């Protein structure tokens, strides 16, 4: 009887172990809570028609700056020759119903995923535009942005500040009332600052 009980216990133990191993190999879900996301939008309003004349927006996750990023060597290791997702969790998105020129590059109306690419030598930064359809087809998460093919790029201006600019990634669209079709997208995170000019084509 003891031998039978021992055998049953052993077999059950193997079954439980196999089941646990199988669970580890399976698909597990993540998330489901409320993400900290920001949105920077420019809306053009036609007062005569009392209707929208077009708009564009960038939606993004807001990661917190870490102290280790202050180290220039560590920062270079993370960014040189790499593409950063320019946010956290879900993809950073540009959604525009207007033709735009971003950094001098023409951008047609549509939805784009965005990243930020730094050159191998570290001297140049660019906004990387990624086709959402290709990302969806390949089931690529923004965490693996390096696997996503870059559609095209637009140059941006990068500089480091001497002091902390923003603890959480913060993106703003800056323009004047007198010339609202010329916008500057400004991104601040920790001591880094990215800016790029945007020109919107808006009908009367």
Protein backbone atom coordinates (compact mmCIF):
# COMPACT_ATOMS: atom_id res chain seq x y z
CA UNK A 1 0.00 0.00 0.00
CA UNK A 2 2.84 2.40 0.89
CA UNK A 3 4.50 1.64 -2.41
CA UNK A 4 1.26 2.40 -4.30
CA UNK A 5 0.77 5.67 -2.41
CA UNK A 6 4.38 6.67 -3.09
CA UNK A 7 3.94 5.89 -6.79
CA UNK A 8 0.73 7.94 -6.97
CA UNK A 9 2.39 10.86 -5.18
CA UNK A 10 5.36 10.72 -7.55
CA UNK A 11 3.13 10.59 -10.63
CA UNK A 12 0.97 13.47 -9.36
CA UNK A 13 4.12 15.46 -8.61
CA UNK A 14 5.35 14.96 -12.15
CA UNK A 15 1.95 15.99 -13.51
CA UNK A 16 1.92 19.18 -11.43
CA UNK A 17 5.49 20.02 -12.47
CA UNK A 18 4.67 19.39 -16.12
CA UNK A 19 1.54 21.51 -15.84
CA UNK A 20 3.50 24.38 -14.26
CA UNK A 21 6.17 24.12 -16.94
CA UNK A 22 3.49 24.13 -19.64
CA UNK A 23 1.91 27.24 -18.08
CA UNK A 24 5.27 29.00 -18.16
CA UNK A 25 5.62 28.22 -21.86
CA UNK A 26 2.12 29.43 -22.69
CA UNK A 27 0.80 32.91 -23.39
CA UNK A 28 0.36 35.19 -20.37
CA UNK A 29 -1.49 38.50 -20.31
CA UNK A 30 -0.06 41.74 -18.96
CA UNK A 31 -1.57 45.14 -18.22
CA UNK A 32 -5.27 45.90 -17.97
CA UNK A 33 -4.90 48.76 -15.52
CA UNK A 34 -4.81 52.49 -16.19
CA UNK A 35 -1.64 53.62 -18.01
CA UNK A 36 -0.18 57.06 -17.46
CA UNK A 37 -0.50 58.51 -20.97
CA UNK A 38 -0.28 62.01 -22.31
CA UNK A 39 -1.59 63.64 -25.46
CA UNK A 40 -0.46 66.78 -27.25
CA UNK A 41 -2.95 67.99 -29.86
CA UNK A 42 -3.40 70.95 -32.17
CA UNK A 43 -6.97 71.56 -33.39
CA UNK A 44 -7.76 74.08 -36.11
CA UNK A 45 -11.24 75.58 -35.91
CA UNK A 46 -13.13 77.25 -38.75
CA UNK A 47 -15.12 79.97 -37.03
CA UNK A 48 -17.15 80.84 -40.13
CA UNK A 49 -18.35 77.24 -40.55
CA UNK A 50 -18.38 76.59 -36.79
CA UNK A 51 -16.61 73.29 -37.47
CA UNK A 52 -13.20 71.71 -37.18
CA UNK A 53 -10.79 72.38 -40.04
CA UNK A 54 -8.42 69.57 -39.07
CA UNK A 55 -6.15 68.43 -36.28
CA UNK A 56 -3.17 66.29 -35.34
CA UNK A 57 -2.11 64.71 -32.08
CA UNK A 58 0.69 62.69 -30.54
CA UNK A 59 -0.36 60.19 -27.84
CA UNK A 60 2.35 58.68 -25.66
CA UNK A 61 3.18 56.87 -22.43
CA UNK A 62 4.98 58.84 -19.70
CA UNK A 63 8.00 56.98 -18.30
CA UNK A 64 9.80 58.36 -15.24
CA UNK A 65 13.41 59.51 -15.63
CA UNK A 66 15.90 57.37 -13.71
CA UNK A 67 18.99 58.68 -11.97
CA UNK A 68 21.26 56.27 -13.86
CA UNK A 69 20.35 58.06 -17.11
CA UNK A 70 22.30 61.08 -15.82
CA UNK A 71 25.55 59.20 -16.44
CA UNK A 72 26.70 60.19 -19.99
CA UNK A 73 28.37 56.81 -20.59
CA UNK A 74 25.23 54.90 -19.57
CA UNK A 75 23.04 57.21 -21.65
CA UNK A 76 25.26 56.72 -24.71
CA UNK A 77 25.18 52.96 -24.29
CA UNK A 78 21.36 53.01 -24.23
CA UNK A 79 20.91 55.36 -27.18
CA UNK A 80 23.80 55.29 -29.67
CA UNK A 81 22.81 53.41 -32.82
CA UNK A 82 19.44 52.53 -31.30
CA UNK A 83 15.77 53.38 -31.71
CA UNK A 84 13.90 54.38 -28.55
CA UNK A 85 10.11 54.07 -28.37
CA UNK A 86 9.78 57.64 -27.12
CA UNK A 87 7.36 56.69 -24.37
CA UNK A 88 6.24 53.65 -22.39
CA UNK A 89 3.78 50.77 -22.65
CA UNK A 90 1.70 51.10 -25.84
CA UNK A 91 3.15 52.69 -28.97
CA UNK A 92 3.63 56.44 -29.25
CA UNK A 93 1.27 57.49 -32.03
CA UNK A 94 0.93 60.40 -34.42
CA UNK A 95 -2.64 60.72 -35.73
CA UNK A 96 -3.19 63.44 -38.30
CA UNK A 97 -6.00 64.30 -40.71
CA UNK A 98 -3.88 67.11 -42.17
CA UNK A 99 -0.83 67.03 -44.45
CA UNK A 100 2.19 67.96 -42.36
CA UNK A 101 5.83 68.77 -42.84
CA UNK A 102 7.84 67.52 -39.88
CA UNK A 103 11.48 68.50 -39.82
CA UNK A 104 11.07 69.38 -43.51
CA UNK A 105 9.75 65.89 -44.38
CA UNK A 106 6.26 65.53 -45.89
CA UNK A 107 3.87 63.41 -43.81
CA UNK A 108 0.52 62.41 -45.33
CA UNK A 109 -2.70 62.22 -43.27
CA UNK A 110 -2.88 58.95 -41.37
CA UNK A 111 -1.74 57.07 -38.29
CA UNK A 112 1.93 56.50 -37.55
CA UNK A 113 3.86 54.85 -34.74
CA UNK A 114 6.85 56.92 -33.62
CA UNK A 115 10.28 56.23 -32.28
CA UNK A 116 13.43 58.27 -31.79
CA UNK A 117 16.63 57.12 -33.49
CA UNK A 118 20.18 58.16 -32.59
CA UNK A 119 22.99 57.67 -35.07
CA UNK A 120 25.89 55.28 -34.41
CA UNK A 121 28.28 58.15 -33.66
CA UNK A 122 25.68 59.85 -31.47
CA UNK A 123 25.76 63.15 -33.37
CA UNK A 124 22.31 63.00 -34.99
CA UNK A 125 18.80 62.28 -33.77
CA UNK A 126 15.72 61.67 -35.89
CA UNK A 127 12.04 60.94 -35.51
CA UNK A 128 11.41 57.43 -36.82
CA UNK A 129 8.05 56.79 -38.50
CA UNK A 130 6.79 53.19 -38.39
CA UNK A 131 3.90 51.66 -40.33
CA UNK A 132 1.26 50.44 -37.80
CA UNK A 133 -0.05 47.87 -40.33
CA UNK A 134 3.34 46.11 -40.40
CA UNK A 135 3.58 46.21 -36.61
CA UNK A 136 0.12 44.68 -36.25
CA UNK A 137 0.85 41.96 -38.79
CA UNK A 138 4.00 40.96 -36.91
CA UNK A 139 2.48 41.45 -33.40
CA UNK A 140 5.42 43.66 -32.38
CA UNK A 141 5.24 45.36 -29.00
CA UNK A 142 6.78 48.82 -28.58
CA UNK A 143 9.27 47.23 -26.15
CA UNK A 144 10.73 45.47 -29.22
CA UNK A 145 10.75 48.56 -31.42
CA UNK A 146 14.13 47.46 -32.81
CA UNK A 147 12.25 44.71 -34.68
CA UNK A 148 9.95 47.19 -36.41
CA UNK A 149 11.08 48.41 -39.84
CA UNK A 150 11.48 52.19 -40.03
CA UNK A 151 9.31 53.63 -42.80
CA UNK A 152 11.04 57.02 -43.00
CA UNK A 153 12.73 59.56 -40.73
CA UNK A 154 12.72 63.29 -40.00
CA UNK A 155 15.62 65.13 -38.33
CA UNK A 156 15.11 66.60 -34.86
CA UNK A 157 17.12 68.90 -32.63
CA UNK A 158 18.59 67.43 -29.45
CA UNK A 159 20.23 69.11 -26.49
CA UNK A 160 21.00 68.34 -22.88
CA UNK A 161 20.10 70.81 -20.17
CA UNK A 162 22.17 71.50 -17.08
CA UNK A 163 19.17 70.82 -14.83
CA UNK A 164 16.18 68.47 -14.70
CA UNK A 165 13.48 69.56 -17.16
CA UNK A 166 10.78 66.97 -16.52
CA UNK A 167 10.62 63.97 -14.19
CA UNK A 168 8.08 62.31 -16.50
CA UNK A 169 8.25 62.47 -20.27
CA UNK A 170 6.35 65.58 -21.35
CA UNK A 171 5.45 66.56 -24.89
CA UNK A 172 4.01 69.92 -25.96
CA UNK A 173 2.96 71.60 -29.19
CA UNK A 174 4.08 75.24 -29.16
CA UNK A 175 2.80 77.89 -31.57
CA UNK A 176 1.61 81.49 -31.71
CA UNK A 177 -1.94 82.66 -32.44
CA UNK A 178 -0.58 84.76 -35.27
CA UNK A 179 1.07 81.79 -37.01
CA UNK A 180 -0.63 78.65 -35.72
CA UNK A 181 0.23 76.63 -38.81
CA UNK A 182 3.88 76.61 -37.75
CA UNK A 183 4.20 74.46 -34.62
CA UNK A 184 7.19 73.25 -32.65
CA UNK A 185 6.88 69.87 -30.98
CA UNK A 186 8.93 69.94 -27.79
CA UNK A 187 9.78 66.82 -25.81
CA UNK A 188 11.34 67.07 -22.36
CA UNK A 189 12.47 64.13 -20.26
CA UNK A 190 14.98 64.34 -17.45
CA UNK A 191 17.74 66.61 -18.74
CA UNK A 192 17.14 65.90 -22.44
CA UNK A 193 15.20 68.13 -24.78
CA UNK A 194 14.02 67.27 -28.31
CA UNK A 195 12.40 69.75 -30.66
CA UNK A 196 11.17 69.54 -34.24
CA UNK A 197 9.27 72.04 -36.42
CA UNK A 198 5.88 71.04 -37.80
CA UNK A 199 4.10 72.84 -40.61
CA UNK A 200 0.40 72.07 -41.04
CA UNK A 201 -1.49 72.53 -44.29
CA UNK A 202 -4.97 73.78 -43.36
CA UNK A 203 -7.69 74.76 -45.83
CA UNK A 204 -9.74 77.87 -45.33
